Amino acid sequence: MHVTVRLFASLKDLAGSELVEEFAEASVSVSTLRDRLRDAYPALRPHLGRVAIAVNEEYAPDLAQPLHDGDTVALIPPISGGAADATETPKYLVTHEVLDTPAIRNAVLTDASGAVVLFEGVVRNHHEGRDVLRLEYEAYESMAERELRRVGEEILAAFAAREVHDIAIHHRLGGLGVGDTSLVVAVSAAHRADAFDACHHAVDRVKETVPVWKKEWGPDGSHWQEGIQPKP
């Protein structure tokens, strides 16, 4: 059997974007694959304790989960945290295009809503004492959009009793300059306090679960920003 291993951000710099591992067995566990990578790729070894693992674009917290021929496994390092119908703004989107904040607001507004809270994540000109000229965002795109939807569904379920009506989350990828918007979260609710709380929780969960990374460019060159271990 063979398993494709996808790498992102700093891991991609260390070992390339994709590996193919072959096994004589018909099935092996995620743990067995991780041990193989630890032995075969010394550059990856220090990082494997902090990565999350996804199998076929779904987080795999159980290392005993079996892998089968043709599976795709992604190593998710600490994370930084187009619509089918062009006339309708999707609720969950990962895109290289400029984010349309008014359209995202309108996508969640209902006649019953007394409040819409909008969060915009914006590129700033410094980080941890360093000057920042621009950022470059990378994602495991198909999984990232799925995780945005999962976050939205999680928030709506958690706030169902508090009259939170709808949520939309859009994340931009590619090169962004200072002042550009990288993330928009919009939440509508009957009352402002509930909309604020739900939006706050949604932003936190995006930063914890969605596989997006950012490379920081400054006067002295570039490097990947440190993130947090994913919390699926």
C-alpha atoms as a PDB file:
ATOM      1  CA  MET A   1       0.000   0.000   0.000  1.00  0.00           C
ATOM      2  CA  HIS A   2       1.085   3.613  -0.435  1.00  0.00           C
ATOM      3  CA  VAL A   3       0.135   6.734   1.518  1.00  0.00           C
ATOM      4  CA  THR A   4       0.612  10.305   0.337  1.00  0.00           C
ATOM      5  CA  VAL A   5       1.842  12.710   3.011  1.00  0.00           C
ATOM      6  CA  ARG A   6       1.218  16.422   2.507  1.00  0.00           C
ATOM      7  CA  LEU A   7       3.348  19.060   4.257  1.00  0.00           C
ATOM      8  CA  PHE A   8       2.712  22.757   4.783  1.00  0.00           C
ATOM      9  CA  ALA A   9       4.419  25.959   5.920  1.00  0.00           C
ATOM     10  CA  SER A  10       7.740  25.328   7.701  1.00  0.00           C
ATOM     11  CA  LEU A  11       7.454  21.551   7.229  1.00  0.00           C
ATOM     12  CA  LYS A  12       7.249  22.032   3.475  1.00  0.00           C
ATOM     13  CA  ASP A  13      10.448  24.070   3.620  1.00  0.00           C
ATOM     14  CA  LEU A  14      12.178  21.228   5.485  1.00  0.00           C
ATOM     15  CA  ALA A  15      11.146  18.219   3.415  1.00  0.00           C
ATOM     16  CA  GLY A  16       9.179  19.302   0.363  1.00  0.00           C
ATOM     17  CA  SER A  17       5.441  19.635  -0.162  1.00  0.00           C
ATOM     18  CA  GLU A  18       4.585  15.958  -0.637  1.00  0.00           C
ATOM     19  CA  LEU A  19       5.968  12.535   0.292  1.00  0.00           C
ATOM     20  CA  VAL A  20       4.845   9.056  -0.741  1.00  0.00           C
ATOM     21  CA  GLU A  21       5.391   6.260   1.789  1.00  0.00           C
ATOM     22  CA  GLU A  22       5.028   2.599   0.810  1.00  0.00           C
ATOM     23  CA  PHE A  23       4.262  -0.273   3.198  1.00  0.00           C
ATOM     24  CA  ALA A  24       4.168  -4.028   2.628  1.00  0.00           C
ATOM     25  CA  GLU A  25       1.116  -4.356   4.883  1.00  0.00           C
ATOM     26  CA  ALA A  26      -2.447  -3.853   3.625  1.00  0.00           C
ATOM     27  CA  SER A  27      -3.068  -1.344   6.417  1.00  0.00           C
ATOM     28  CA  VAL A  28      -0.985   0.489   9.014  1.00  0.00           C
ATOM     29  CA  SER A  29      -1.883   2.899  11.808  1.00  0.00           C
ATOM     30  CA  VAL A  30      -1.351   6.632  11.880  1.00  0.00           C
ATOM     31  CA  SER A  31       1.158   5.996  14.660  1.00  0.00           C
ATOM     32  CA  THR A  32       3.155   3.637  12.443  1.00  0.00           C
ATOM     33  CA  LEU A  33       3.313   6.246   9.703  1.00  0.00           C
ATOM     34  CA  ARG A  34       4.437   8.889  12.163  1.00  0.00           C
ATOM     35  CA  ASP A  35       7.221   6.587  13.405  1.00  0.00           C
ATOM     36  CA  ARG A  36       8.308   5.981   9.814  1.00  0.00           C
ATOM     37  CA  LEU A  37       8.513   9.723   9.159  1.00  0.00           C
ATOM     38  CA  ARG A  38      10.460  10.276  12.373  1.00  0.00           C
ATOM     39  CA  ASP A  39      13.071   7.702  11.329  1.00  0.00           C
ATOM     40  CA  ALA A  40      13.228   8.549   7.629  1.00  0.00           C
ATOM     41  CA  TYR A  41      13.245  12.356   7.775  1.00  0.00           C
ATOM     42  CA  PRO A  42      15.506  13.738  10.529  1.00  0.00           C
ATOM     43  CA  ALA A  43      14.547  17.318   9.644  1.00  0.00           C
ATOM     44  CA  LEU A  44      10.920  16.578  10.550  1.00  0.00           C
ATOM     45  CA  ARG A  45      11.717  14.741  13.793  1.00  0.00           C
ATOM     46  CA  PRO A  46      11.748  17.771  16.158  1.00  0.00           C
ATOM     47  CA  HIS A  47       8.353  18.922  14.862  1.00  0.00           C
ATOM     48  CA  LEU A  48       6.299  15.729  14.901  1.00  0.00           C
ATOM     49  CA  GLY A  49       5.335  16.053  18.554  1.00  0.00           C
ATOM     50  CA  ARG A  50       3.528  19.334  17.854  1.00  0.00           C
ATOM     51  CA  VAL A  51       1.692  18.540  14.635  1.00  0.00           C
ATOM     52  CA  ALA A  52      -1.901  17.486  14.270  1.00  0.00           C
ATOM     53  CA  ILE A  53      -2.637  14.798  11.704  1.00  0.00           C
ATOM     54  CA  ALA A  54      -5.450  14.778   9.180  1.00  0.00           C
ATOM     55  CA  VAL A  55      -6.494  11.770   7.115  1.00  0.00           C
ATOM     56  CA  ASN A  56      -8.362  12.529   3.907  1.00  0.00           C
ATOM     57  CA  GLU A  57      -9.014  16.103   5.123  1.00  0.00           C
ATOM     58  CA  GLU A  58     -10.423  15.083   8.526  1.00  0.00           C
ATOM     59  CA  TYR A  59      -8.508  15.520  11.791  1.00  0.00           C
ATOM     60  CA  ALA A  60      -7.374  12.158  13.177  1.00  0.00           C
ATOM     61  CA  PRO A  61      -6.886  12.497  16.963  1.00  0.00           C
ATOM     62  CA  ASP A  62      -6.683   8.706  17.388  1.00  0.00           C
ATOM     63  CA  LEU A  63      -3.199   7.564  16.400  1.00  0.00           C
ATOM     64  CA  ALA A  64      -4.485   3.997  16.205  1.00  0.00           C
ATOM     65  CA  GLN A  65      -6.694   4.957  13.246  1.00  0.00           C
ATOM     66  CA  PRO A  66      -5.925   2.620  10.326  1.00  0.00           C
ATOM     67  CA  LEU A  67      -4.611   3.900   7.020  1.00  0.00           C
ATOM     68  CA  HIS A  68      -5.371   2.243   3.709  1.00  0.00           C
ATOM     69  CA  ASP A  69      -3.953   2.258   0.216  1.00  0.00           C
ATOM     70  CA  GLY A  70      -4.371   5.649  -1.454  1.00  0.00           C
ATOM     71  CA  ASP A  71      -5.082   7.636   1.723  1.00  0.00           C
ATOM     72  CA  THR A  72      -3.779  11.186   1.968  1.00  0.00           C
ATOM     73  CA  VAL A  73      -2.314  12.205   5.308  1.00  0.00           C
ATOM     74  CA  ALA A  74      -1.541  15.835   6.121  1.00  0.00           C
ATOM     75  CA  LEU A  75       0.793  17.004   8.865  1.00  0.00           C
ATOM     76  CA  ILE A  76      -0.743  20.181  10.289  1.00  0.00           C
ATOM     77  CA  PRO A  77       1.907  22.306  12.027  1.00  0.00           C
ATOM     78  CA  PRO A  78       0.912  24.961  14.576  1.00  0.00           C
ATOM     79  CA  ILE A  79      -1.513  27.283  12.872  1.00  0.00           C
ATOM     80  CA  SER A  80      -1.514  31.073  12.743  1.00  0.00           C
ATOM     81  CA  GLY A  81      -4.403  31.476  12.952  1.00  0.00           C
ATOM     82  CA  GLY A  82     -15.383  30.596  -5.265  1.00  0.00           C
ATOM     83  CA  ALA A  83     -19.017  30.347  -4.800  1.00  0.00           C
ATOM     84  CA  ALA A  84     -21.035  28.108  -7.095  1.00  0.00           C
ATOM     85  CA  ASP A  85     -23.509  30.958  -7.603  1.00  0.00           C
ATOM     86  CA  ALA A  86     -21.747  34.247  -8.240  1.00  0.00           C
ATOM     87  CA  THR A  87     -24.828  36.209  -7.118  1.00  0.00           C
ATOM     88  CA  GLU A  88     -24.812  34.679  -3.631  1.00  0.00           C
ATOM     89  CA  THR A  89     -22.104  35.229  -1.028  1.00  0.00           C
ATOM     90  CA  PRO A  90     -21.012  31.897   0.486  1.00  0.00           C
ATOM     91  CA  LYS A  91     -21.044  31.578   4.273  1.00  0.00           C
ATOM     92  CA  TYR A  92     -17.635  29.885   4.397  1.00  0.00           C
ATOM     93  CA  LEU A  93     -14.859  30.729   1.969  1.00  0.00           C
ATOM     94  CA  VAL A  94     -11.088  30.480   1.552  1.00  0.00           C
ATOM     95  CA  THR A  95     -10.002  32.733  -1.294  1.00  0.00           C
ATOM     96  CA  HIS A  96      -7.113  34.646  -2.845  1.00  0.00           C
ATOM     97  CA  GLU A  97      -9.448  37.547  -3.645  1.00  0.00           C
ATOM     98  CA  VAL A  98      -9.981  40.718  -1.585  1.00  0.00           C
ATOM     99  CA  LEU A  99     -12.633  40.077   1.075  1.00  0.00           C
ATOM    100  CA  ASP A 100     -15.963  41.862   0.572  1.00  0.00           C
ATOM    101  CA  THR A 101     -16.961  42.829   4.113  1.00  0.00           C
ATOM    102  CA  PRO A 102     -20.342  44.460   3.251  1.00  0.00           C
ATOM    103  CA  ALA A 103     -21.391  41.363   1.277  1.00  0.00           C
ATOM    104  CA  ILE A 104     -20.381  39.092   4.171  1.00  0.00           C
ATOM    105  CA  ARG A 105     -22.451  41.251   6.553  1.00  0.00           C
ATOM    106  CA  ASN A 106     -25.468  41.023   4.274  1.00  0.00           C
ATOM    107  CA  ALA A 107     -25.063  37.244   4.035  1.00  0.00           C
ATOM    108  CA  VAL A 108     -25.884  36.826   7.753  1.00  0.00           C
ATOM    109  CA  LEU A 109     -28.408  39.633   8.277  1.00  0.00           C
ATOM    110  CA  THR A 110     -31.993  38.502   8.945  1.00  0.00           C
ATOM    111  CA  ASP A 111     -35.203  40.428   9.606  1.00  0.00           C
ATOM    112  CA  ALA A 112     -35.083  39.164  13.208  1.00  0.00           C
ATOM    113  CA  SER A 113     -31.535  40.404  13.829  1.00  0.00           C
ATOM    114  CA  GLY A 114     -31.029  43.318  16.178  1.00  0.00           C
ATOM    115  CA  ALA A 115     -27.251  43.199  15.790  1.00  0.00           C
ATOM    116  CA  VAL A 116     -24.554  42.152  13.353  1.00  0.00           C
ATOM    117  CA  VAL A 117     -21.010  41.956  14.713  1.00  0.00           C
ATOM    118  CA  LEU A 118     -18.126  42.022  12.246  1.00  0.00           C
ATOM    119  CA  PHE A 119     -14.564  41.046  13.069  1.00  0.00           C
ATOM    120  CA  GLU A 120     -11.790  41.960  10.631  1.00  0.00           C
ATOM    121  CA  GLY A 121      -8.300  40.572  11.088  1.00  0.00           C
ATOM    122  CA  VAL A 122      -5.896  43.128   9.600  1.00  0.00           C
ATOM    123  CA  VAL A 123      -2.178  42.928   8.785  1.00  0.00           C
ATOM    124  CA  ARG A 124      -0.169  45.177  11.110  1.00  0.00           C
ATOM    125  CA  ASN A 125       3.305  46.636  10.635  1.00  0.00           C
ATOM    126  CA  HIS A 126       5.004  44.846  13.539  1.00  0.00           C
ATOM    127  CA  HIS A 127       5.080  41.518  15.352  1.00  0.00           C
ATOM    128  CA  GLU A 128       6.996  40.644  18.534  1.00  0.00           C
ATOM    129  CA  GLY A 129       9.281  43.640  18.142  1.00  0.00           C
ATOM    130  CA  ARG A 130      10.006  43.087  14.450  1.00  0.00           C
ATOM    131  CA  ASP A 131       8.991  45.350  11.577  1.00  0.00           C
ATOM    132  CA  VAL A 132       6.554  43.687   9.160  1.00  0.00           C
ATOM    133  CA  LEU A 133       6.316  44.710   5.509  1.00  0.00           C
ATOM    134  CA  ARG A 134       3.807  42.092   4.392  1.00  0.00           C
ATOM    135  CA  LEU A 135       2.450  38.636   5.161  1.00  0.00           C
ATOM    136  CA  GLU A 136       1.954  35.606   2.964  1.00  0.00           C
ATOM    137  CA  TYR A 137      -0.876  33.263   3.948  1.00  0.00           C
ATOM    138  CA  GLU A 138      -0.898  29.579   2.994  1.00  0.00           C
ATOM    139  CA  ALA A 139      -3.565  26.970   3.743  1.00  0.00           C
ATOM    140  CA  TYR A 140      -4.529  23.364   3.243  1.00  0.00           C
ATOM    141  CA  GLU A 141      -7.303  24.918   1.206  1.00  0.00           C
ATOM    142  CA  SER A 142      -9.920  22.196   0.843  1.00  0.00           C
ATOM    143  CA  MET A 143      -9.607  21.215   4.499  1.00  0.00           C
ATOM    144  CA  ALA A 144      -9.509  24.851   5.649  1.00  0.00           C
ATOM    145  CA  GLU A 145     -12.853  25.629   4.059  1.00  0.00           C
ATOM    146  CA  ARG A 146     -14.344  22.499   5.600  1.00  0.00           C
ATOM    147  CA  GLU A 147     -13.021  23.536   9.023  1.00  0.00           C
ATOM    148  CA  LEU A 148     -14.499  27.026   8.631  1.00  0.00           C
ATOM    149  CA  ARG A 149     -17.883  25.413   8.110  1.00  0.00           C
ATOM    150  CA  ARG A 150     -17.338  23.131  11.091  1.00  0.00           C
ATOM    151  CA  VAL A 151     -16.514  26.144  13.281  1.00  0.00           C
ATOM    152  CA  GLY A 152     -19.654  27.915  12.103  1.00  0.00           C
ATOM    153  CA  GLU A 153     -21.838  24.913  12.850  1.00  0.00           C
ATOM    154  CA  GLU A 154     -20.176  24.525  16.260  1.00  0.00           C
ATOM    155  CA  ILE A 155     -20.884  28.163  17.166  1.00  0.00           C
ATOM    156  CA  LEU A 156     -24.497  28.064  15.981  1.00  0.00           C
ATOM    157  CA  ALA A 157     -25.114  24.914  18.020  1.00  0.00           C
ATOM    158  CA  ALA A 158     -23.434  26.359  21.129  1.00  0.00           C
ATOM    159  CA  PHE A 159     -25.430  29.602  20.937  1.00  0.00           C
ATOM    160  CA  ALA A 160     -28.728  28.153  19.728  1.00  0.00           C
ATOM    161  CA  ALA A 161     -30.503  29.137  22.955  1.00  0.00           C
ATOM    162  CA  ARG A 162     -29.245  32.733  22.730  1.00  0.00           C
ATOM    163  CA  GLU A 163     -30.919  33.751  19.464  1.00  0.00           C
ATOM    164  CA  VAL A 164     -27.784  33.777  17.357  1.00  0.00           C
ATOM    165  CA  HIS A 165     -29.159  33.640  13.824  1.00  0.00           C
ATOM    166  CA  ASP A 166     -26.309  33.134  11.371  1.00  0.00           C
ATOM    167  CA  ILE A 167     -22.550  33.244  10.860  1.00  0.00           C
ATOM    168  CA  ALA A 168     -20.162  33.669   7.941  1.00  0.00           C
ATOM    169  CA  ILE A 169     -16.377  33.251   7.921  1.00  0.00           C
ATOM    170  CA  HIS A 170     -14.066  34.198   5.036  1.00  0.00           C
ATOM    171  CA  HIS A 171     -10.272  33.850   5.029  1.00  0.00           C
ATOM    172  CA  ARG A 172      -7.948  35.374   2.456  1.00  0.00           C
ATOM    173  CA  LEU A 173      -4.732  33.699   1.242  1.00  0.00           C
ATOM    174  CA  GLY A 174      -1.687  34.877  -0.665  1.00  0.00           C
ATOM    175  CA  GLY A 175       0.328  38.058  -0.222  1.00  0.00           C
ATOM    176  CA  LEU A 176      -1.211  40.786   1.955  1.00  0.00           C
ATOM    177  CA  GLY A 177       0.194  44.203   2.761  1.00  0.00           C
ATOM    178  CA  VAL A 178      -0.101  46.257   5.925  1.00  0.00           C
ATOM    179  CA  GLY A 179      -3.728  47.262   6.410  1.00  0.00           C
ATOM    180  CA  ASP A 180      -5.156  44.451   4.265  1.00  0.00           C
ATOM    181  CA  THR A 181      -7.909  42.264   5.729  1.00  0.00           C
ATOM    182  CA  SER A 182      -7.066  38.569   6.102  1.00  0.00           C
ATOM    183  CA  LEU A 183     -10.124  37.317   8.019  1.00  0.00           C
ATOM    184  CA  VAL A 184     -13.750  38.387   8.322  1.00  0.00           C
ATOM    185  CA  VAL A 185     -16.191  36.811  10.765  1.00  0.00           C
ATOM    186  CA  ALA A 186     -19.792  38.072  10.733  1.00  0.00           C
ATOM    187  CA  VAL A 187     -22.442  37.023  13.271  1.00  0.00           C
ATOM    188  CA  SER A 188     -26.080  38.097  13.449  1.00  0.00           C
ATOM    189  CA  ALA A 189     -28.219  37.777  16.562  1.00  0.00           C
ATOM    190  CA  ALA A 190     -31.256  39.249  18.263  1.00  0.00           C
ATOM    191  CA  HIS A 191     -29.081  41.011  20.852  1.00  0.00           C
ATOM    192  CA  ARG A 192     -25.647  42.613  20.654  1.00  0.00           C
ATOM    193  CA  ALA A 193     -24.152  40.815  23.676  1.00  0.00           C
ATOM    194  CA  ASP A 194     -24.875  37.414  22.150  1.00  0.00           C
ATOM    195  CA  ALA A 195     -23.527  38.490  18.762  1.00  0.00           C
ATOM    196  CA  PHE A 196     -20.306  39.758  20.396  1.00  0.00           C
ATOM    197  CA  ASP A 197     -19.835  36.554  22.406  1.00  0.00           C
ATOM    198  CA  ALA A 198     -20.484  34.261  19.447  1.00  0.00           C
ATOM    199  CA  CYS A 199     -18.134  36.245  17.191  1.00  0.00           C
ATOM    200  CA  HIS A 200     -15.385  36.173  19.842  1.00  0.00           C
ATOM    201  CA  HIS A 201     -15.697  32.398  20.216  1.00  0.00           C
ATOM    202  CA  ALA A 202     -15.733  31.909  16.446  1.00  0.00           C
ATOM    203  CA  VAL A 203     -12.501  33.871  15.945  1.00  0.00           C
ATOM    204  CA  ASP A 204     -10.809  31.859  18.697  1.00  0.00           C
ATOM    205  CA  ARG A 205     -11.895  28.558  17.131  1.00  0.00           C
ATOM    206  CA  VAL A 206     -10.710  29.632  13.669  1.00  0.00           C
ATOM    207  CA  LYS A 207      -7.274  30.314  15.148  1.00  0.00           C
ATOM    208  CA  GLU A 208      -7.288  26.917  16.903  1.00  0.00           C
ATOM    209  CA  THR A 209      -8.527  24.588  14.175  1.00  0.00           C
ATOM    210  CA  VAL A 210      -8.287  25.970  10.634  1.00  0.00           C
ATOM    211  CA  PRO A 211      -5.031  24.930   8.869  1.00  0.00           C
ATOM    212  CA  VAL A 212      -3.747  28.342   7.807  1.00  0.00           C
ATOM    213  CA  TRP A 213      -0.160  29.575   8.207  1.00  0.00           C
ATOM    214  CA  LYS A 214       1.508  32.908   7.607  1.00  0.00           C
ATOM    215  CA  LYS A 215       4.991  33.842   6.526  1.00  0.00           C
ATOM    216  CA  GLU A 216       6.205  37.209   7.767  1.00  0.00           C
ATOM    217  CA  TRP A 217       8.317  39.409   5.499  1.00  0.00           C
ATOM    218  CA  GLY A 218      10.420  42.179   7.000  1.00  0.00           C
ATOM    219  CA  PRO A 219      13.579  44.181   6.307  1.00  0.00           C
ATOM    220  CA  ASP A 220      15.738  41.186   7.292  1.00  0.00           C
ATOM    221  CA  GLY A 221      13.965  38.570   5.180  1.00  0.00           C
ATOM    222  CA  SER A 222      11.146  36.131   5.883  1.00  0.00           C
ATOM    223  CA  HIS A 223      10.152  33.435   8.354  1.00  0.00           C
ATOM    224  CA  TRP A 224       7.059  31.508   9.361  1.00  0.00           C
ATOM    225  CA  GLN A 225       5.243  32.964  12.348  1.00  0.00           C
ATOM    226  CA  GLU A 226       4.983  30.676  15.355  1.00  0.00           C
ATOM    227  CA  GLY A 227       1.471  29.407  16.004  1.00  0.00           C
ATOM    228  CA  ILE A 228      -0.397  27.101  18.336  1.00  0.00           C
ATOM    229  CA  GLN A 229      -0.882  23.366  18.194  1.00  0.00           C
ATOM    230  CA  PRO A 230      -4.216  22.646  16.505  1.00  0.00           C
ATOM    231  CA  LYS A 231      -7.167  21.932  18.827  1.00  0.00           C
ATOM    232  CA  PRO A 232      -9.713  20.061  16.707  1.00  0.00           C
END
